[in-house]
Protein backbone atom coordinates (compact mmCIF):
# COMPACT_ATOMS: atom_id res chain seq x y z
CA CYS A 1 6.92 6.13 29.21
CA LEU A 2 5.86 4.35 32.41
CA ILE A 3 7.83 6.74 34.60
CA LYS A 4 6.45 9.73 32.69
CA ILE A 5 2.91 8.51 33.36
CA GLN A 6 3.73 7.87 37.02
CA SER A 7 4.97 11.45 37.36
CA ARG A 8 1.58 12.68 36.13
CA TRP A 9 -0.58 10.37 38.24
CA PHE A 10 1.10 10.20 41.66
CA TYR A 11 2.23 12.70 44.28
CA SER A 12 5.87 13.73 43.94
CA LYS A 13 6.43 12.89 47.62
CA ASN A 14 5.80 9.22 46.75
CA PHE A 15 7.84 9.17 43.55
CA GLY A 16 10.63 6.97 44.93
CA LEU A 17 8.10 4.36 46.03
CA MET A 18 6.34 4.38 42.67
CA ILE A 19 9.68 3.92 40.90
CA GLY A 20 10.15 0.90 43.18
CA PHE A 21 6.86 -0.55 41.96
CA ALA A 22 8.01 -0.04 38.37
CA GLY A 23 11.14 -2.00 39.27
CA LEU A 24 8.96 -4.70 40.84
CA ALA A 25 7.06 -5.13 37.59
CA ALA A 26 10.34 -5.45 35.68
CA ASN A 27 11.63 -8.02 38.15
CA VAL A 28 8.51 -10.15 37.85
CA GLY A 29 9.41 -10.45 34.18
CA ALA A 30 12.99 -11.31 35.14
CA VAL A 31 11.75 -14.09 37.44
CA LEU A 32 9.61 -15.55 34.66
CA ALA A 33 12.64 -15.42 32.35
CA GLN A 34 14.62 -17.75 34.61
CA THR A 35 13.45 -21.24 35.67
CA PRO A 36 9.82 -20.84 34.47
CA LEU A 37 11.03 -20.01 30.96
CA VAL A 38 13.38 -23.01 30.99
CA TYR A 39 10.52 -25.31 32.02
CA ALA A 40 8.16 -23.83 29.42
CA ALA A 41 10.74 -24.20 26.66
CA ASN A 42 11.41 -27.81 27.63
CA LEU A 43 7.69 -28.57 27.75
CA PHE A 44 6.43 -26.72 24.68
CA GLY A 45 9.60 -25.90 22.72
CA TRP A 46 11.22 -22.50 22.19
CA ARG A 47 9.10 -21.54 19.18
CA LYS A 48 5.70 -22.12 20.82
CA THR A 49 6.89 -20.47 24.02
CA PHE A 50 7.95 -17.30 22.21
CA VAL A 51 4.79 -17.25 20.10
CA PHE A 52 2.75 -17.33 23.30
CA MET A 53 4.88 -14.54 24.80
CA GLY A 54 4.33 -12.43 21.69
CA PHE A 55 0.58 -13.02 21.87
CA ALA A 56 0.58 -12.02 25.55
CA MET A 57 2.39 -8.78 24.69
CA VAL A 58 -0.29 -7.96 22.11
CA ILE A 59 -2.99 -8.46 24.76
CA PHE A 60 -1.15 -6.22 27.24
CA SER A 61 -0.68 -3.57 24.55
CA VAL A 62 -4.40 -3.53 23.81
CA LEU A 63 -5.25 -3.27 27.51
CA THR A 64 -2.79 -0.39 27.89
CA ALA A 65 -4.30 1.46 24.93
CA LEU A 66 -7.81 1.03 26.34
CA PHE A 67 -7.33 1.77 30.02
CA VAL A 68 -4.11 3.75 30.63
CA LYS A 69 -4.48 7.54 30.47
CA ASN A 70 -1.68 10.07 30.12
CA ASP A 71 -3.01 12.43 32.76
CA PRO A 72 -5.83 12.57 35.35
CA LYS A 73 -7.34 15.42 33.31
CA ASP A 74 -8.06 12.88 30.57
CA MET A 75 -10.65 11.40 32.96
CA GLY A 76 -12.01 14.73 34.18
CA LEU A 77 -9.93 14.65 37.38
CA PRO A 78 -7.70 17.40 38.79
CA SER A 79 -4.08 17.15 37.70
CA MET A 80 -1.16 16.64 40.06
CA ASP A 81 -0.11 20.21 39.32
CA GLU A 82 -3.42 21.42 40.75
CA LEU A 83 -3.41 19.05 43.73
CA GLU A 84 0.15 19.97 44.68
CA LYS A 85 -0.47 23.65 43.89
CA ARG A 86 2.42 23.79 41.44
CA PRO A 87 2.66 26.50 38.78
CA VAL A 88 1.50 25.15 35.44
CA ASN A 89 3.53 25.94 32.33
CA THR A 90 1.36 25.35 29.27
CA SER A 91 3.83 26.66 26.68
CA LYS A 92 4.63 24.19 23.94
CA ILE A 93 8.24 23.01 23.69
CA SER A 94 9.59 20.82 20.92
CA THR A 95 11.16 17.46 21.61
CA MET A 96 14.54 18.77 20.52
CA GLN A 97 14.30 21.70 22.94
CA ALA A 98 13.39 19.33 25.76
CA LEU A 99 16.27 17.00 24.85
CA LYS A 100 18.67 19.95 24.75
CA SER A 101 17.51 21.03 28.20
CA VAL A 102 18.12 17.57 29.68
CA LEU A 103 21.47 17.02 27.95
CA SER A 104 22.79 20.45 28.90
CA ASN A 105 22.08 19.78 32.58
CA SER A 106 25.33 18.59 34.19
CA ARG A 107 23.34 16.90 36.95
CA THR A 108 21.84 14.56 34.35
CA TRP A 109 25.29 13.33 33.32
CA ILE A 110 26.52 12.75 36.86
CA ILE A 111 23.44 10.65 37.59
CA SER A 112 23.94 8.78 34.31
CA PHE A 113 27.54 7.94 35.25
CA ALA A 114 26.30 6.63 38.59
CA TYR A 115 23.67 4.59 36.77
CA ILE A 116 25.78 2.95 34.06
CA GLY A 117 27.82 0.64 36.30
CA LEU A 118 24.94 -0.30 38.58
CA TYR A 119 22.58 -1.12 35.74
CA THR A 120 25.22 -2.93 33.69
CA GLY A 121 26.00 -5.11 36.71
CA TYR A 122 22.30 -5.87 37.09
CA VAL A 123 22.06 -7.01 33.47
CA VAL A 124 25.27 -9.08 33.68
CA LEU A 125 24.22 -10.94 36.83
CA LEU A 126 20.56 -11.49 36.05
CA GLY A 127 20.87 -11.93 32.32
CA THR A 128 24.21 -12.39 30.62
CA PHE A 129 26.74 -14.28 32.74
CA GLY A 130 25.14 -14.90 36.14
CA VAL A 131 23.90 -18.41 35.41
CA SER A 132 27.04 -19.54 33.57
CA PHE A 133 29.30 -18.14 36.33
CA LEU A 134 27.42 -20.03 39.04
CA MET A 135 27.40 -23.21 36.95
CA HIS A 136 31.17 -23.06 36.50
CA THR A 137 32.12 -21.89 39.99
CA TYR A 138 29.86 -24.24 41.96
CA ASN A 139 29.58 -27.09 39.43
CA ILE A 140 25.78 -27.03 39.37
CA SER A 141 23.18 -27.50 36.63
CA LYS A 142 21.64 -24.70 34.59
CA THR A 143 18.30 -25.11 36.37
CA GLN A 144 19.95 -24.91 39.80
CA ALA A 145 21.90 -21.82 38.77
CA ALA A 146 18.73 -20.19 37.41
CA ASN A 147 17.00 -20.87 40.73
CA TYR A 148 19.82 -19.10 42.57
CA ILE A 149 19.53 -16.11 40.23
CA ILE A 150 15.82 -15.94 41.06
CA ALA A 151 16.87 -15.12 44.63
CA ALA A 152 18.71 -12.05 43.31
CA VAL A 153 15.68 -11.08 41.23
CA ALA A 154 13.44 -11.41 44.29
CA GLY A 155 15.84 -9.24 46.27
CA SER A 156 15.76 -6.62 43.53
CA ALA A 157 11.96 -6.62 43.50
CA VAL A 158 11.79 -6.05 47.25
CA GLY A 159 14.73 -3.65 47.31
CA GLY A 160 13.27 -1.27 44.75
CA ILE A 161 10.13 -0.76 46.82
CA VAL A 162 11.87 -0.62 50.22
CA LEU A 163 14.67 1.73 49.14
CA GLY A 164 12.19 3.94 47.31
CA TYR A 165 9.90 4.10 50.35
CA ILE A 166 12.78 4.88 52.73
CA SER A 167 14.10 7.63 50.46
CA ASP A 168 10.59 9.15 50.32
CA LEU A 169 10.19 8.88 54.09
CA LEU A 170 13.58 10.42 54.88
CA LYS A 171 13.43 12.81 51.91
CA ASN A 172 16.96 11.72 51.12
CA ARG A 173 17.99 10.16 47.82
CA LYS A 174 21.76 10.64 47.76
CA THR A 175 22.66 8.84 50.99
CA ILE A 176 20.53 5.82 50.07
CA LEU A 177 22.19 5.71 46.65
CA ILE A 178 25.73 5.98 48.06
CA ILE A 179 25.23 3.26 50.69
CA SER A 180 23.48 0.86 48.31
CA SER A 181 26.06 1.42 45.58
CA GLY A 182 28.92 0.79 48.01
CA LEU A 183 27.31 -2.44 49.20
CA THR A 184 26.77 -3.46 45.57
CA LEU A 185 30.48 -3.00 44.83
CA ILE A 186 31.45 -5.05 47.91
CA SER A 187 28.97 -7.77 46.92
CA TRP A 188 30.49 -8.03 43.44
CA ILE A 189 33.97 -8.48 44.90
CA ILE A 190 32.74 -11.17 47.30
CA LEU A 191 30.82 -13.04 44.58
CA ILE A 192 33.67 -13.12 42.08
CA TYR A 193 36.77 -13.49 44.22
CA THR A 194 35.55 -15.75 47.02
CA LYS A 195 33.78 -19.09 46.99
CA MET A 196 31.16 -19.23 49.72
CA PRO A 197 29.44 -22.37 51.04
CA ILE A 198 26.67 -23.25 48.61
CA GLY A 199 24.10 -23.10 51.41
CA PHE A 200 24.69 -19.34 51.74
CA ILE A 201 24.18 -18.50 48.07
CA TYR A 202 20.40 -17.97 48.23
CA LEU A 203 20.64 -15.50 51.12
CA PHE A 204 23.70 -13.75 49.68
CA LEU A 205 22.13 -13.29 46.24
CA PHE A 206 18.88 -12.04 47.78
CA ILE A 207 20.80 -9.37 49.71
CA PHE A 208 22.92 -8.64 46.63
CA GLY A 209 19.82 -8.15 44.52
CA PHE A 210 18.28 -5.96 47.23
CA VAL A 211 21.15 -3.44 47.28
CA MET A 212 21.81 -3.74 43.53
CA THR A 213 18.45 -2.19 42.78
CA ALA A 214 19.94 1.15 43.84
CA PHE A 215 20.06 1.98 40.13
CA THR A 216 16.31 2.75 40.26
CA MET A 217 17.16 5.71 42.50
CA CYS A 218 18.92 7.21 39.48
CA TRP A 219 15.60 7.28 37.61
CA THR A 220 14.09 9.24 40.47
CA LEU A 221 17.02 11.66 40.67
CA GLY A 222 17.05 12.11 36.90
CA ASN A 223 13.47 13.33 37.06
CA GLU A 224 13.96 15.55 40.09
CA VAL A 225 16.94 17.50 38.71
CA ASN A 226 15.25 18.24 35.37
CA ASP A 227 12.19 20.20 34.34
CA ARG A 228 9.24 18.07 35.46
CA ARG A 229 7.68 18.48 32.01
CA PHE A 230 10.58 16.48 30.56
CA SER A 231 10.45 13.52 32.95
CA GLY A 232 10.08 11.02 30.12
CA ILE A 233 13.09 12.36 28.23
CA ALA A 234 15.15 12.67 31.43
CA THR A 235 14.54 9.02 32.26
CA GLY A 236 15.23 8.06 28.66
CA VAL A 237 18.62 9.78 28.67
CA VAL A 238 19.69 8.12 31.93
CA ASN A 239 18.45 4.77 30.63
CA CYS A 240 20.25 5.24 27.32
CA ILE A 241 23.60 5.60 29.09
CA GLY A 242 22.86 2.45 31.09
CA PHE A 243 21.84 0.51 27.99
CA PHE A 244 25.12 1.52 26.35
CA GLY A 245 27.05 -0.07 29.22
CA ALA A 246 24.81 -3.12 29.20
CA ALA A 247 25.43 -3.54 25.46
CA VAL A 248 29.19 -2.99 25.40
CA ILE A 249 30.53 -4.47 28.65
CA PRO A 250 29.10 -8.00 28.16
CA VAL A 251 30.72 -8.11 24.71
CA ILE A 252 34.10 -7.19 26.21
CA MET A 253 33.62 -9.76 28.96
CA GLY A 254 32.66 -12.41 26.44
CA ARG A 255 35.77 -11.69 24.41
CA ILE A 256 37.95 -12.06 27.51
CA LEU A 257 36.28 -15.38 28.32
CA ASP A 258 36.90 -16.61 24.76
CA ILE A 259 40.58 -15.67 24.95
CA ASN A 260 40.91 -17.53 28.26
CA LYS A 261 38.70 -20.52 27.38
CA ASN A 262 41.47 -22.93 28.38
CA MET A 263 41.70 -21.24 31.80
CA PRO A 264 38.07 -20.47 32.68
CA ASP A 265 38.81 -19.49 36.30
CA ALA A 266 41.25 -16.82 35.18
CA GLY A 267 38.89 -15.84 32.39
CA TYR A 268 35.99 -15.14 34.74
CA ASN A 269 38.25 -13.22 37.13
CA LYS A 270 39.56 -11.00 34.33
CA ALA A 271 36.18 -10.56 32.68
CA PHE A 272 34.39 -9.56 35.86
CA LEU A 273 37.24 -7.22 36.80
CA VAL A 274 36.15 -5.04 33.87
CA LEU A 275 32.66 -4.87 35.34
CA ILE A 276 33.87 -4.27 38.88
CA VAL A 277 36.00 -1.31 37.73
CA LEU A 278 32.91 0.19 36.07
CA VAL A 279 30.80 -0.39 39.20
CA ALA A 280 33.54 1.26 41.29
CA ALA A 281 33.52 4.28 38.96
CA SER A 282 29.74 4.54 39.32
CA PHE A 283 30.07 4.31 43.10
CA ILE A 284 32.47 7.27 43.03
CA ALA A 285 30.01 9.19 40.84
CA THR A 286 27.25 8.79 43.45
CA PHE A 287 29.16 11.14 45.77
CA PHE A 288 28.82 13.91 43.17
CA THR A 289 25.07 13.54 42.64
CA THR A 290 22.80 16.30 43.94
CA GLU A 291 20.51 15.70 46.90
CA THR A 292 16.97 16.70 45.90
CA GLY A 293 15.18 16.28 49.21
CA ALA A 294 12.54 14.21 47.39
CA GLU A 295 11.33 17.18 45.36
CA ASN A 296 11.97 18.68 41.96
CA ILE A 297 14.89 21.10 42.22
CA TYR A 298 15.17 22.13 38.58
CA GLY A 299 16.23 25.76 38.42
CA LYS A 300 17.68 25.72 41.92
CA LYS A 301 21.41 25.89 42.62
């Protein structure tokens, strides 16, 4: 929904940058879910902490309902279609027709395949196994490991904005996605199969997080290869594929770790190999994505 609203409120030439800001907002939440959440839970207890979080979400929901508008026209302002002198199609299309249009677009699927490995890796590092892997590999406490993961989150927050801005400036999405995805794959291999000096971990994870946020470029591409009227559904389809990977792969990894619980080093190597293979497949898929030139190319060959 956020990306749909962004597509209605901001110039298409700045879409990559605005996607970066959406990623920044998500990463602020990820930062708060690391060490700050641990401290809050220790201080107030898990129940009170989650009650407060639920109350905060209610407040944000009310503010959104009151102040966020679907389109500039809702406030008497000219729409982006008018400002960018785009033809306006006012014909009504059902949700199923829109979904069919997005799903029947082969470009959507290629972008989704590029997205699944990158996003799954993001979830695994920042959420599922990142802290436990660092604790085991470097023999550090949970709080220390969470602090290291914050460096990756910070890198992701900065990376989303910088990569989005550069892609807007150069009017090139595909090259940025390929380079960042390749660096993400290399970073995974270094993290899992080498043991670096602990003093380098902060910098490494910051850089890792920076390039890892390449998955946000897939949101941008998903919108630009589909009918602009269906930007919300296009993003939803790409996200759905990524969520599938983020739901299934950690379960497989967890099962491998359980089987190898008496040999944790081997267990982590085998478990993360599954993820690395998926990231490698996504990297290959990036070469088959379509360059949009930072504009909507729906209907073009």
